[in-house]
Amino acid sequence: KHFLYDSMSSLYDPFLMKDVRKGAERILTAIERGERIVVYG
């Protein structure tokens, strides 16, 4: 049933991924402070 009918609501909690919360909080702080952010791809 999961394989055939899963949807976006079935995605795992992103905060289970190591360092996601730490990284996200740092980015939000940078946005609030108007710091320069560069995405390196």
Full PDB file with SEQRES, HELIX, SHEET, SSBOND, CRYST1, ORIGX, SCALE, CONECT and MASTER records, all heavy atoms in Angstrom:
SEQRES   1 A   41  LYS HIS PHE LEU TYR ASP SER MET SER SER LEU TYR ASP          
SEQRES   2 A   41  PRO PHE LEU MET LYS ASP VAL ARG LYS GLY ALA GLU ARG          
SEQRES   3 A   41  ILE LEU THR ALA ILE GLU ARG GLY GLU ARG ILE VAL VAL          
SEQRES   4 A   41  TYR GLY                                                      
HELIX    1 AA1 HIS A    2  TYR A    5  1                                   4    
HELIX    2 AA2 MET A    8  SER A   10  5                                   3    
HELIX    3 AA3 PRO A   14  LEU A   16  5                                   3    
HELIX    4 AA4 VAL A   20  ARG A   33  1                                  14    
CRYST1    1.000    1.000    1.000  90.00  90.00  90.00 P 1           1          
ORIGX1      1.000000  0.000000  0.000000        0.00000                         
ORIGX2      0.000000  1.000000  0.000000        0.00000                         
ORIGX3      0.000000  0.000000  1.000000        0.00000                         
SCALE1      1.000000  0.000000  0.000000        0.00000                         
SCALE2      0.000000  1.000000  0.000000        0.00000                         
SCALE3      0.000000  0.000000  1.000000        0.00000                         
ATOM      1  N   LYS A   1       0.835  -1.205   0.000  1.00  0.00           N  
ATOM      2  CA  LYS A   1       0.000   0.000   0.000  1.00  0.00           C  
ATOM      3  C   LYS A   1       0.866   1.249   0.000  1.00  0.00           C  
ATOM      4  O   LYS A   1       0.572   2.227  -0.693  1.00  0.00           O  
ATOM      5  CB  LYS A   1      -0.931  -0.007   1.214  1.00  0.00           C  
ATOM      6  CG  LYS A   1      -2.075  -1.000   1.110  1.00  0.00           C  
ATOM      7  CD  LYS A   1      -2.925  -0.987   2.375  1.00  0.00           C  
ATOM      8  CE  LYS A   1      -4.045  -2.023   2.295  1.00  0.00           C  
ATOM      9  NZ  LYS A   1      -4.833  -2.075   3.552  1.00  0.00           N  
ATOM     10  N   HIS A   2       1.936   1.219   0.800  1.00  0.00           N  
ATOM     11  CA  HIS A   2       2.851   2.360   0.809  1.00  0.00           C  
ATOM     12  C   HIS A   2       3.453   2.571  -0.579  1.00  0.00           C  
ATOM     13  O   HIS A   2       3.517   3.705  -1.076  1.00  0.00           O  
ATOM     14  CB  HIS A   2       3.970   2.138   1.829  1.00  0.00           C  
ATOM     15  CG  HIS A   2       3.566   2.415   3.250  1.00  0.00           C  
ATOM     16  ND1 HIS A   2       3.112   3.649   3.665  1.00  0.00           N  
ATOM     17  CD2 HIS A   2       3.560   1.626   4.349  1.00  0.00           C  
ATOM     18  CE1 HIS A   2       2.835   3.604   4.959  1.00  0.00           C  
ATOM     19  NE2 HIS A   2       3.089   2.382   5.397  1.00  0.00           N  
ATOM     20  N   PHE A   3       3.894   1.480  -1.186  1.00  0.00           N  
ATOM     21  CA  PHE A   3       4.542   1.578  -2.488  1.00  0.00           C  
ATOM     22  C   PHE A   3       3.583   2.131  -3.543  1.00  0.00           C  
ATOM     23  O   PHE A   3       3.955   2.986  -4.354  1.00  0.00           O  
ATOM     24  CB  PHE A   3       5.054   0.210  -2.922  1.00  0.00           C  
ATOM     25  CG  PHE A   3       5.887   0.238  -4.175  1.00  0.00           C  
ATOM     26  CD1 PHE A   3       7.242   0.478  -4.117  1.00  0.00           C  
ATOM     27  CD2 PHE A   3       5.303   0.016  -5.417  1.00  0.00           C  
ATOM     28  CE1 PHE A   3       8.012   0.509  -5.275  1.00  0.00           C  
ATOM     29  CE2 PHE A   3       6.055   0.041  -6.578  1.00  0.00           C  
ATOM     30  CZ  PHE A   3       7.418   0.290  -6.509  1.00  0.00           C  
ATOM     31  N   LEU A   4       2.370   1.654  -3.533  1.00  0.00           N  
ATOM     32  CA  LEU A   4       1.413   2.033  -4.573  1.00  0.00           C  
ATOM     33  C   LEU A   4       0.743   3.378  -4.323  1.00  0.00           C  
ATOM     34  O   LEU A   4       0.408   4.090  -5.271  1.00  0.00           O  
ATOM     35  CB  LEU A   4       0.335   0.951  -4.712  1.00  0.00           C  
ATOM     36  CG  LEU A   4       0.805  -0.432  -5.172  1.00  0.00           C  
ATOM     37  CD1 LEU A   4      -0.352  -1.418  -5.133  1.00  0.00           C  
ATOM     38  CD2 LEU A   4       1.410  -0.367  -6.569  1.00  0.00           C  
ATOM     39  N   TYR A   5       0.554   3.724  -3.049  1.00  0.00           N  
ATOM     40  CA  TYR A   5      -0.320   4.862  -2.766  1.00  0.00           C  
ATOM     41  C   TYR A   5       0.296   5.956  -1.899  1.00  0.00           C  
ATOM     42  O   TYR A   5      -0.383   6.921  -1.557  1.00  0.00           O  
ATOM     43  CB  TYR A   5      -1.602   4.363  -2.091  1.00  0.00           C  
ATOM     44  CG  TYR A   5      -2.291   3.266  -2.870  1.00  0.00           C  
ATOM     45  CD1 TYR A   5      -2.429   1.977  -2.343  1.00  0.00           C  
ATOM     46  CD2 TYR A   5      -2.793   3.499  -4.153  1.00  0.00           C  
ATOM     47  CE1 TYR A   5      -3.055   0.967  -3.054  1.00  0.00           C  
ATOM     48  CE2 TYR A   5      -3.422   2.493  -4.875  1.00  0.00           C  
ATOM     49  CZ  TYR A   5      -3.548   1.231  -4.319  1.00  0.00           C  
ATOM     50  OH  TYR A   5      -4.165   0.231  -5.027  1.00  0.00           O  
ATOM     51  N   ASP A   6       1.579   5.865  -1.516  1.00  0.00           N  
ATOM     52  CA  ASP A   6       2.188   6.913  -0.697  1.00  0.00           C  
ATOM     53  C   ASP A   6       2.161   8.255  -1.417  1.00  0.00           C  
ATOM     54  O   ASP A   6       2.256   8.330  -2.649  1.00  0.00           O  
ATOM     55  CB  ASP A   6       3.636   6.555  -0.346  1.00  0.00           C  
ATOM     56  CG  ASP A   6       3.742   5.842   0.996  1.00  0.00           C  
ATOM     57  OD1 ASP A   6       2.699   5.691   1.659  1.00  0.00           O  
ATOM     58  OD2 ASP A   6       4.853   5.439   1.378  1.00  0.00           O  
ATOM     59  N   SER A   7       2.062   9.318  -0.633  1.00  0.00           N  
ATOM     60  CA  SER A   7       2.048  10.678  -1.174  1.00  0.00           C  
ATOM     61  C   SER A   7       3.046  11.529  -0.407  1.00  0.00           C  
ATOM     62  O   SER A   7       3.783  11.035   0.449  1.00  0.00           O  
ATOM     63  CB  SER A   7       0.641  11.272  -1.056  1.00  0.00           C  
ATOM     64  OG  SER A   7       0.301  11.409   0.316  1.00  0.00           O  
ATOM     65  N   MET A   8       3.068  12.816  -0.692  1.00  0.00           N  
ATOM     66  CA  MET A   8       4.022  13.717  -0.052  1.00  0.00           C  
ATOM     67  C   MET A   8       3.865  13.717   1.470  1.00  0.00           C  
ATOM     68  O   MET A   8       4.834  13.954   2.194  1.00  0.00           O  
ATOM     69  CB  MET A   8       3.851  15.125  -0.599  1.00  0.00           C  
ATOM     70  CG  MET A   8       4.273  15.281  -2.058  1.00  0.00           C  
ATOM     71  SD  MET A   8       6.044  15.051  -2.306  1.00  0.00           S  
ATOM     72  CE  MET A   8       6.670  16.546  -1.573  1.00  0.00           C  
ATOM     73  N   SER A   9       2.682  13.459   1.952  1.00  0.00           N  
ATOM     74  CA  SER A   9       2.477  13.422   3.400  1.00  0.00           C  
ATOM     75  C   SER A   9       3.192  12.241   4.049  1.00  0.00           C  
ATOM     76  O   SER A   9       3.301  12.175   5.282  1.00  0.00           O  
ATOM     77  CB  SER A   9       0.980  13.358   3.718  1.00  0.00           C  
ATOM     78  OG  SER A   9       0.411  12.162   3.195  1.00  0.00           O  
ATOM     79  N   SER A  10       3.674  11.313   3.232  1.00  0.00           N  
ATOM     80  CA  SER A  10       4.351  10.124   3.761  1.00  0.00           C  
ATOM     81  C   SER A  10       5.855  10.339   3.956  1.00  0.00           C  
ATOM     82  O   SER A  10       6.545   9.440   4.444  1.00  0.00           O  
ATOM     83  CB  SER A  10       4.137   8.940   2.814  1.00  0.00           C  
ATOM     84  OG  SER A  10       2.764   8.716   2.553  1.00  0.00           O  
ATOM     85  N   LEU A  11       6.375  11.502   3.557  1.00  0.00           N  
ATOM     86  CA  LEU A  11       7.801  11.765   3.721  1.00  0.00           C  
ATOM     87  C   LEU A  11       8.166  11.769   5.202  1.00  0.00           C  
ATOM     88  O   LEU A  11       7.378  12.164   6.056  1.00  0.00           O  
ATOM     89  CB  LEU A  11       8.175  13.119   3.099  1.00  0.00           C  
ATOM     90  CG  LEU A  11       7.993  13.272   1.584  1.00  0.00           C  
ATOM     91  CD1 LEU A  11       8.363  14.687   1.162  1.00  0.00           C  
ATOM     92  CD2 LEU A  11       8.831  12.251   0.824  1.00  0.00           C  
ATOM     93  N   TYR A  12       9.390  11.348   5.488  1.00  0.00           N  
ATOM     94  CA  TYR A  12       9.848  11.322   6.871  1.00  0.00           C  
ATOM     95  C   TYR A  12      10.055  12.741   7.410  1.00  0.00           C  
ATOM     96  O   TYR A  12      10.217  13.703   6.646  1.00  0.00           O  
ATOM     97  CB  TYR A  12      11.158  10.536   6.979  1.00  0.00           C  
ATOM     98  CG  TYR A  12      11.032   9.071   6.659  1.00  0.00           C  
ATOM     99  CD1 TYR A  12      11.600   8.533   5.510  1.00  0.00           C  
ATOM    100  CD2 TYR A  12      10.335   8.220   7.507  1.00  0.00           C  
ATOM    101  CE1 TYR A  12      11.482   7.184   5.214  1.00  0.00           C  
ATOM    102  CE2 TYR A  12      10.212   6.865   7.217  1.00  0.00           C  
ATOM    103  CZ  TYR A  12      10.783   6.357   6.074  1.00  0.00           C  
ATOM    104  OH  TYR A  12      10.650   5.021   5.781  1.00  0.00           O  
ATOM    105  N   ASP A  13      10.048  12.846   8.719  1.00  0.00           N  
ATOM    106  CA  ASP A  13      10.329  14.109   9.396  1.00  0.00           C  
ATOM    107  C   ASP A  13      11.738  14.565   9.005  1.00  0.00           C  
ATOM    108  O   ASP A  13      12.714  13.854   9.229  1.00  0.00           O  
ATOM    109  CB  ASP A  13      10.253  13.885  10.912  1.00  0.00           C  
ATOM    110  CG  ASP A  13      10.524  15.145  11.716  1.00  0.00           C  
ATOM    111  OD1 ASP A  13      10.931  16.165  11.122  1.00  0.00           O  
ATOM    112  OD2 ASP A  13      10.344  15.097  12.949  1.00  0.00           O  
ATOM    113  N   PRO A  14      11.874  15.751   8.389  1.00  0.00           N  
ATOM    114  CA  PRO A  14      13.203  16.178   7.928  1.00  0.00           C  
ATOM    115  C   PRO A  14      14.214  16.307   9.061  1.00  0.00           C  
ATOM    116  O   PRO A  14      15.421  16.177   8.843  1.00  0.00           O  
ATOM    117  CB  PRO A  14      12.931  17.527   7.268  1.00  0.00           C  
ATOM    118  CG  PRO A  14      11.662  18.017   7.876  1.00  0.00           C  
ATOM    119  CD  PRO A  14      10.849  16.779   8.119  1.00  0.00           C  
ATOM    120  N   PHE A  15      13.730  16.542  10.290  1.00  0.00           N  
ATOM    121  CA  PHE A  15      14.646  16.752  11.406  1.00  0.00           C  
ATOM    122  C   PHE A  15      15.282  15.443  11.895  1.00  0.00           C  
ATOM    123  O   PHE A  15      16.139  15.459  12.778  1.00  0.00           O  
ATOM    124  CB  PHE A  15      13.929  17.470  12.546  1.00  0.00           C  
ATOM    125  CG  PHE A  15      13.462  18.849  12.149  1.00  0.00           C  
ATOM    126  CD1 PHE A  15      12.104  19.098  11.924  1.00  0.00           C  
ATOM    127  CD2 PHE A  15      14.366  19.876  11.970  1.00  0.00           C  
ATOM    128  CE1 PHE A  15      11.674  20.357  11.536  1.00  0.00           C  
ATOM    129  CE2 PHE A  15      13.939  21.142  11.588  1.00  0.00           C  
ATOM    130  CZ  PHE A  15      12.591  21.385  11.367  1.00  0.00           C  
ATOM    131  N   LEU A  16      14.862  14.307  11.286  1.00  0.00           N  
ATOM    132  CA  LEU A  16      15.544  13.053  11.575  1.00  0.00           C  
ATOM    133  C   LEU A  16      16.923  13.008  10.927  1.00  0.00           C  
ATOM    134  O   LEU A  16      17.782  12.239  11.348  1.00  0.00           O  
ATOM    135  CB  LEU A  16      14.713  11.866  11.081  1.00  0.00           C  
ATOM    136  CG  LEU A  16      13.417  11.560  11.836  1.00  0.00           C  
ATOM    137  CD1 LEU A  16      12.642  10.462  11.112  1.00  0.00           C  
ATOM    138  CD2 LEU A  16      13.712  11.147  13.270  1.00  0.00           C  
ATOM    139  N   MET A  17      17.115  13.846   9.906  1.00  0.00           N  
ATOM    140  CA  MET A  17      18.396  13.841   9.215  1.00  0.00           C  
ATOM    141  C   MET A  17      19.419  14.621  10.035  1.00  0.00           C  
ATOM    142  O   MET A  17      19.164  15.751  10.461  1.00  0.00           O  
ATOM    143  CB  MET A  17      18.265  14.431   7.806  1.00  0.00           C  
ATOM    144  CG  MET A  17      19.485  14.159   6.922  1.00  0.00           C  
ATOM    145  SD  MET A  17      19.256  14.641   5.197  1.00  0.00           S  
ATOM    146  CE  MET A  17      18.038  13.440   4.642  1.00  0.00           C  
ATOM    147  N   LYS A  18      20.551  14.024  10.232  1.00  0.00           N  
ATOM    148  CA  LYS A  18      21.595  14.619  11.060  1.00  0.00           C  
ATOM    149  C   LYS A  18      21.945  16.034  10.590  1.00  0.00           C  
ATOM    150  O   LYS A  18      22.166  16.271   9.406  1.00  0.00           O  
ATOM    151  CB  LYS A  18      22.852  13.752  11.037  1.00  0.00           C  
ATOM    152  CG  LYS A  18      23.969  14.277  11.922  1.00  0.00           C  
ATOM    153  CD  LYS A  18      25.235  13.439  11.798  1.00  0.00           C  
ATOM    154  CE  LYS A  18      26.345  14.028  12.652  1.00  0.00           C  
ATOM    155  NZ  LYS A  18      27.608  13.293  12.498  1.00  0.00           N  
ATOM    156  N   ASP A  19      21.999  16.960  11.533  1.00  0.00           N  
ATOM    157  CA  ASP A  19      22.430  18.354  11.329  1.00  0.00           C  
ATOM    158  C   ASP A  19      21.444  19.212  10.554  1.00  0.00           C  
ATOM    159  O   ASP A  19      21.737  20.391  10.292  1.00  0.00           O  
ATOM    160  CB  ASP A  19      23.799  18.410  10.639  1.00  0.00           C  
ATOM    161  CG  ASP A  19      24.956  18.231  11.627  1.00  0.00           C  
ATOM    162  OD1 ASP A  19      24.688  18.009  12.829  1.00  0.00           O  
ATOM    163  OD2 ASP A  19      26.118  18.318  11.200  1.00  0.00           O  
ATOM    164  N   VAL A  20      20.291  18.666  10.166  1.00  0.00           N  
ATOM    165  CA  VAL A  20      19.325  19.483   9.432  1.00  0.00           C  
ATOM    166  C   VAL A  20      18.843  20.649  10.291  1.00  0.00           C  
ATOM    167  O   VAL A  20      18.792  21.797   9.840  1.00  0.00           O  
ATOM    168  CB  VAL A  20      18.136  18.633   8.942  1.00  0.00           C  
ATOM    169  CG1 VAL A  20      16.920  19.512   8.688  1.00  0.00           C  
ATOM    170  CG2 VAL A  20      18.499  17.922   7.646  1.00  0.00           C  
ATOM    171  N   ARG A  21      18.473  20.376  11.533  1.00  0.00           N  
ATOM    172  CA  ARG A  21      17.987  21.458  12.390  1.00  0.00           C  
ATOM    173  C   ARG A  21      19.087  22.509  12.603  1.00  0.00           C  
ATOM    174  O   ARG A  21      18.829  23.712  12.519  1.00  0.00           O  
ATOM    175  CB  ARG A  21      17.518  20.915  13.741  1.00  0.00           C  
ATOM    176  CG  ARG A  21      16.940  21.988  14.664  1.00  0.00           C  
ATOM    177  CD  ARG A  21      16.436  21.407  15.968  1.00  0.00           C  
ATOM    178  NE  ARG A  21      15.304  20.523  15.763  1.00  0.00           N  
ATOM    179  CZ  ARG A  21      14.042  20.952  15.671  1.00  0.00           C  
ATOM    180  NH1 ARG A  21      13.757  22.249  15.749  1.00  0.00           N  
ATOM    181  NH2 ARG A  21      13.063  20.076  15.493  1.00  0.00           N  
ATOM    182  N   LYS A  22      20.295  22.047  12.878  1.00  0.00           N  
ATOM    183  CA  LYS A  22      21.404  22.973  13.119  1.00  0.00           C  
ATOM    184  C   LYS A  22      21.653  23.846  11.892  1.00  0.00           C  
ATOM    185  O   LYS A  22      21.823  25.064  11.995  1.00  0.00           O  
ATOM    186  CB  LYS A  22      22.663  22.184  13.475  1.00  0.00           C  
ATOM    187  CG  LYS A  22      23.858  23.047  13.835  1.00  0.00           C  
ATOM    188  CD  LYS A  22      25.065  22.169  14.184  1.00  0.00           C  
ATOM    189  CE  LYS A  22      26.276  23.030  14.550  1.00  0.00           C  
ATOM    190  NZ  LYS A  22      27.469  22.190  14.836  1.00  0.00           N  
ATOM    191  N   GLY A  23      21.669  23.215  10.717  1.00  0.00           N  
ATOM    192  CA  GLY A  23      21.894  23.970   9.490  1.00  0.00           C  
ATOM    193  C   GLY A  23      20.762  24.930   9.185  1.00  0.00           C  
ATOM    194  O   GLY A  23      20.998  26.084   8.804  1.00  0.00           O  
ATOM    195  N   ALA A  24      19.521  24.463   9.354  1.00  0.00           N  
ATOM    196  CA  ALA A  24      18.363  25.316   9.057  1.00  0.00           C  
ATOM    197  C   ALA A  24      18.311  26.515   9.998  1.00  0.00           C  
ATOM    198  O   ALA A  24      18.019  27.656   9.571  1.00  0.00           O  
ATOM    199  CB  ALA A  24      17.084  24.496   9.165  1.00  0.00           C  
ATOM    200  N   GLU A  25      18.580  26.301  11.264  1.00  0.00           N  
ATOM    201  CA  GLU A  25      18.558  27.414  12.220  1.00  0.00           C  
ATOM    202  C   GLU A  25      19.629  28.444  11.888  1.00  0.00           C  
ATOM    203  O   GLU A  25      19.402  29.656  12.000  1.00  0.00           O  
ATOM    204  CB  GLU A  25      18.738  26.879  13.639  1.00  0.00           C  
ATOM    205  CG  GLU A  25      17.511  26.124  14.151  1.00  0.00           C  
ATOM    206  CD  GLU A  25      17.726  25.511  15.526  1.00  0.00           C  
ATOM    207  OE1 GLU A  25      18.909  25.434  15.964  1.00  0.00           O  
ATOM    208  OE2 GLU A  25      16.737  25.093  16.154  1.00  0.00           O  
ATOM    209  N   ARG A  26      20.814  27.990  11.468  1.00  0.00           N  
ATOM    210  CA  ARG A  26      21.878  28.934  11.099  1.00  0.00           C  
ATOM    211  C   ARG A  26      21.475  29.743   9.880  1.00  0.00           C  
ATOM    212  O   ARG A  26      21.738  30.959   9.800  1.00  0.00           O  
ATOM    213  CB  ARG A  26      23.172  28.166  10.802  1.00  0.00           C  
ATOM    214  CG  ARG A  26      24.333  29.073  10.343  1.00  0.00           C  
ATOM    215  CD  ARG A  26      24.746  30.032  11.439  1.00  0.00           C  
ATOM    216  NE  ARG A  26      25.774  30.966  10.998  1.00  0.00           N  
ATOM    217  CZ  ARG A  26      25.534  32.177  10.500  1.00  0.00           C  
ATOM    218  NH1 ARG A  26      24.271  32.616  10.353  1.00  0.00           N  
ATOM    219  NH2 ARG A  26      26.522  32.973  10.143  1.00  0.00           N  
ATOM    220  N   ILE A  27      20.825  29.104   8.919  1.00  0.00           N  
ATOM    221  CA  ILE A  27      20.398  29.818   7.708  1.00  0.00           C  
ATOM    222  C   ILE A  27      19.343  30.865   8.046  1.00  0.00           C  
ATOM    223  O   ILE A  27      19.394  32.013   7.562  1.00  0.00           O  
ATOM    224  CB  ILE A  27      19.870  28.817   6.661  1.00  0.00           C  
ATOM    225  CG1 ILE A  27      21.017  27.933   6.149  1.00  0.00           C  
ATOM    226  CG2 ILE A  27      19.203  29.538   5.500  1.00  0.00           C  
ATOM    227  CD1 ILE A  27      20.566  26.741   5.345  1.00  0.00           C  
ATOM    228  N   LEU A  28      18.376  30.511   8.884  1.00  0.00           N  
ATOM    229  CA  LEU A  28      17.333  31.470   9.263  1.00  0.00           C  
ATOM    230  C   LEU A  28      17.931  32.655  10.017  1.00  0.00           C  
ATOM    231  O   LEU A  28      17.507  33.799   9.839  1.00  0.00           O  
ATOM    232  CB  LEU A  28      16.265  30.775  10.100  1.00  0.00           C  
ATOM    233  CG  LEU A  28      15.388  29.766   9.344  1.00  0.00           C  
ATOM    234  CD1 LEU A  28      14.432  29.070  10.301  1.00  0.00           C  
ATOM    235  CD2 LEU A  28      14.604  30.453   8.227  1.00  0.00           C  
ATOM    236  N   THR A  29      18.929  32.391  10.839  1.00  0.00           N  
ATOM    237  CA  THR A  29      19.612  33.489  11.540  1.00  0.00           C  
ATOM    238  C   THR A  29      20.303  34.401  10.540  1.00  0.00           C  
ATOM    239  O   THR A  29      20.264  35.637  10.668  1.00  0.00           O  
ATOM    240  CB  THR A  29      20.645  32.921  12.537  1.00  0.00           C  
ATOM    241  OG1 THR A  29      19.970  32.130  13.502  1.00  0.00           O  
ATOM    242  CG2 THR A  29      21.407  34.040  13.239  1.00  0.00           C  
ATOM    243  N   ALA A  30      20.938  33.803   9.536  1.00  0.00           N  
ATOM    244  CA  ALA A  30      21.610  34.596   8.513  1.00  0.00           C  
ATOM    245  C   ALA A  30      20.619  35.459   7.741  1.00  0.00           C  
ATOM    246  O   ALA A  30      20.917  36.619   7.407  1.00  0.00           O  
ATOM    247  CB  ALA A  30      22.359  33.666   7.556  1.00  0.00           C  
ATOM    248  N   ILE A  31      19.448  34.908   7.468  1.00  0.00           N  
ATOM    249  CA  ILE A  31      18.421  35.685   6.765  1.00  0.00           C  
ATOM    250  C   ILE A  31      17.968  36.858   7.626  1.00  0.00           C  
ATOM    251  O   ILE A  31      17.841  37.998   7.146  1.00  0.00           O  
ATOM    252  CB  ILE A  31      17.232  34.779   6.385  1.00  0.00           C  
ATOM    253  CG1 ILE A  31      17.669  33.718   5.357  1.00  0.00           C  
ATOM    254  CG2 ILE A  31      16.080  35.613   5.827  1.00  0.00           C  
ATOM    255  CD1 ILE A  31      16.607  32.683   5.044  1.00  0.00           C  
ATOM    256  N   GLU A  32      17.736  36.606   8.894  1.00  0.00           N  
ATOM    257  CA  GLU A  32      17.306  37.669   9.807  1.00  0.00           C  
ATOM    258  C   GLU A  32      18.343  38.780   9.908  1.00  0.00           C  
ATOM    259  O   GLU A  32      18.010  39.967   9.991  1.00  0.00           O  
ATOM    260  CB  GLU A  32      17.043  37.083  11.193  1.00  0.00           C  
ATOM    261  CG  GLU A  32      15.832  36.158  11.257  1.00  0.00           C  
ATOM    262  CD  GLU A  32      15.741  35.440  12.593  1.00  0.00           C  
ATOM    263  OE1 GLU A  32      16.575  35.717  13.483  1.00  0.00           O  
ATOM    264  OE2 GLU A  32      14.841  34.587  12.737  1.00  0.00           O  
ATOM    265  N   ARG A  33      19.623  38.423   9.909  1.00  0.00           N  
ATOM    266  CA  ARG A  33      20.698  39.409  10.046  1.00  0.00           C  
ATOM    267  C   ARG A  33      21.089  40.054   8.720  1.00  0.00           C  
ATOM    268  O   ARG A  33      21.905  40.978   8.690  1.00  0.00           O  
ATOM    269  CB  ARG A  33      21.935  38.734  10.640  1.00  0.00           C  
ATOM    270  CG  ARG A  33      21.764  38.237  12.069  1.00  0.00           C  
ATOM    271  CD  ARG A  33      23.000  37.473  12.492  1.00  0.00           C  
ATOM    272  NE  ARG A  33      22.907  36.993  13.881  1.00  0.00           N  
ATOM    273  CZ  ARG A  33      23.793  36.175  14.443  1.00  0.00           C  
ATOM    274  NH1 ARG A  33      24.836  35.741  13.734  1.00  0.00           N  
ATOM    275  NH2 ARG A  33      23.650  35.792  15.696  1.00  0.00           N  
ATOM    276  N   GLY A  34      20.550  39.554   7.624  1.00  0.00           N  
ATOM    277  CA  GLY A  34      20.914  40.091   6.315  1.00  0.00           C  
ATOM    278  C   GLY A  34      22.318  39.696   5.886  1.00  0.00           C  
ATOM    279  O   GLY A  34      22.975  40.410   5.121  1.00  0.00           O  
ATOM    280  N   GLU A  35      22.787  38.541   6.362  1.00  0.00           N  
ATOM    281  CA  GLU A  35      24.126  38.082   6.019  1.00  0.00           C  
ATOM    282  C   GLU A  35      24.172  37.565   4.577  1.00  0.00           C  
ATOM    283  O   GLU A  35      23.158  37.178   4.007  1.00  0.00           O  
ATOM    284  CB  GLU A  35      24.569  36.974   6.987  1.00  0.00           C  
ATOM    285  CG  GLU A  35      24.739  37.454   8.420  1.00  0.00           C  
ATOM    286  CD  GLU A  35      25.097  36.330   9.376  1.00  0.00           C  
ATOM    287  OE1 GLU A  35      24.748  35.158   9.093  1.00  0.00           O  
ATOM    288  OE2 GLU A  35      25.721  36.626  10.404  1.00  0.00           O  
ATOM    289  N   ARG A  36      25.370  37.569   4.041  1.00  0.00           N  
ATOM    290  CA  ARG A  36      25.548  37.094   2.662  1.00  0.00           C  
ATOM    291  C   ARG A  36      25.562  35.563   2.659  1.00  0.00           C  
ATOM    292  O   ARG A  36      26.375  34.925   3.334  1.00  0.00           O  
ATOM    293  CB  ARG A  36      26.849  37.640   2.074  1.00  0.00           C  
ATOM    294  CG  ARG A  36      27.181  37.103   0.674  1.00  0.00           C  
ATOM    295  CD  ARG A  36      28.385  37.838   0.091  1.00  0.00           C  
ATOM    296  NE  ARG A  36      28.941  37.165  -1.053  1.00  0.00           N  
ATOM    297  CZ  ARG A  36      28.445  37.188  -2.302  1.00  0.00           C  
ATOM    298  NH1 ARG A  36      27.343  37.891  -2.533  1.00  0.00           N  
ATOM    299  NH2 ARG A  36      29.032  36.552  -3.291  1.00  0.00           N  
ATOM    300  N   ILE A  37      24.648  34.957   1.864  1.00  0.00           N  
ATOM    301  CA  ILE A  37      24.534  33.504   1.727  1.00  0.00           C  
ATOM    302  C   ILE A  37      24.814  33.122   0.279  1.00  0.00           C  
ATOM    303  O   ILE A  37      24.248  33.718  -0.647  1.00  0.00           O  
ATOM    304  CB  ILE A  37      23.129  33.007   2.119  1.00  0.00           C  
ATOM    305  CG1 ILE A  37      22.752  33.475   3.532  1.00  0.00           C  
ATOM    306  CG2 ILE A  37      23.040  31.490   2.012  1.00  0.00           C  
ATOM    307  CD1 ILE A  37      21.322  33.158   3.907  1.00  0.00           C  
ATOM    308  N   VAL A  38      25.671  32.140   0.089  1.00  0.00           N  
ATOM    309  CA  VAL A  38      25.976  31.653  -1.258  1.00  0.00           C  
ATOM    310  C   VAL A  38      25.689  30.153  -1.330  1.00  0.00           C  
ATOM    311  O   VAL A  38      26.119  29.386  -0.464  1.00  0.00           O  
ATOM    312  CB  VAL A  38      27.447  31.915  -1.638  1.00  0.00           C  
ATOM    313  CG1 VAL A  38      27.781  31.262  -2.980  1.00  0.00           C  
ATOM    314  CG2 VAL A  38      27.717  33.413  -1.717  1.00  0.00           C  
ATOM    315  N   VAL A  39      24.949  29.754  -2.358  1.00  0.00           N  
ATOM    316  CA  VAL A  39      24.694  28.336  -2.630  1.00  0.00           C  
ATOM    317  C   VAL A  39      25.783  27.856  -3.581  1.00  0.00           C  
ATOM    318  O   VAL A  39      25.941  28.390  -4.685  1.00  0.00           O  
ATOM    319  CB  VAL A  39      23.306  28.118  -3.257  1.00  0.00           C  
ATOM    320  CG1 VAL A  39      23.037  26.633  -3.456  1.00  0.00           C  
ATOM    321  CG2 VAL A  39      22.224  28.756  -2.401  1.00  0.00           C  
ATOM    322  N   TYR A  40      26.551  26.867  -3.153  1.00  0.00           N  
ATOM    323  CA  TYR A  40      27.677  26.356  -3.942  1.00  0.00           C  
ATOM    324  C   TYR A  40      27.257  25.008  -4.532  1.00  0.00           C  
ATOM    325  O   TYR A  40      27.103  24.029  -3.819  1.00  0.00           O  
ATOM    326  CB  TYR A  40      28.905  26.180  -3.049  1.00  0.00           C  
ATOM    327  CG  TYR A  40      30.210  25.944  -3.774  1.00  0.00           C  
ATOM    328  CD1 TYR A  40      31.238  26.873  -3.718  1.00  0.00           C  
ATOM    329  CD2 TYR A  40      30.423  24.771  -4.501  1.00  0.00           C  
ATOM    330  CE1 TYR A  40      32.456  26.652  -4.371  1.00  0.00           C  
ATOM    331  CE2 TYR A  40      31.615  24.540  -5.159  1.00  0.00           C  
ATOM    332  CZ  TYR A  40      32.629  25.492  -5.089  1.00  0.00           C  
ATOM    333  OH  TYR A  40      33.822  25.268  -5.743  1.00  0.00           O  
ATOM    334  N   GLY A  41      27.090  24.964  -5.850  1.00  0.00           N  
ATOM    335  CA  GLY A  41      26.525  23.778  -6.486  1.00  0.00           C  
ATOM    336  C   GLY A  41      27.500  22.978  -7.319  1.00  0.00           C  
ATOM    337  O   GLY A  41      28.718  23.101  -7.196  1.00  0.00           O  
TER     338      GLY A  41                                                      
MASTER        0    0    0    4    0    0    0    6  337    1    0    4          
END                                                                             
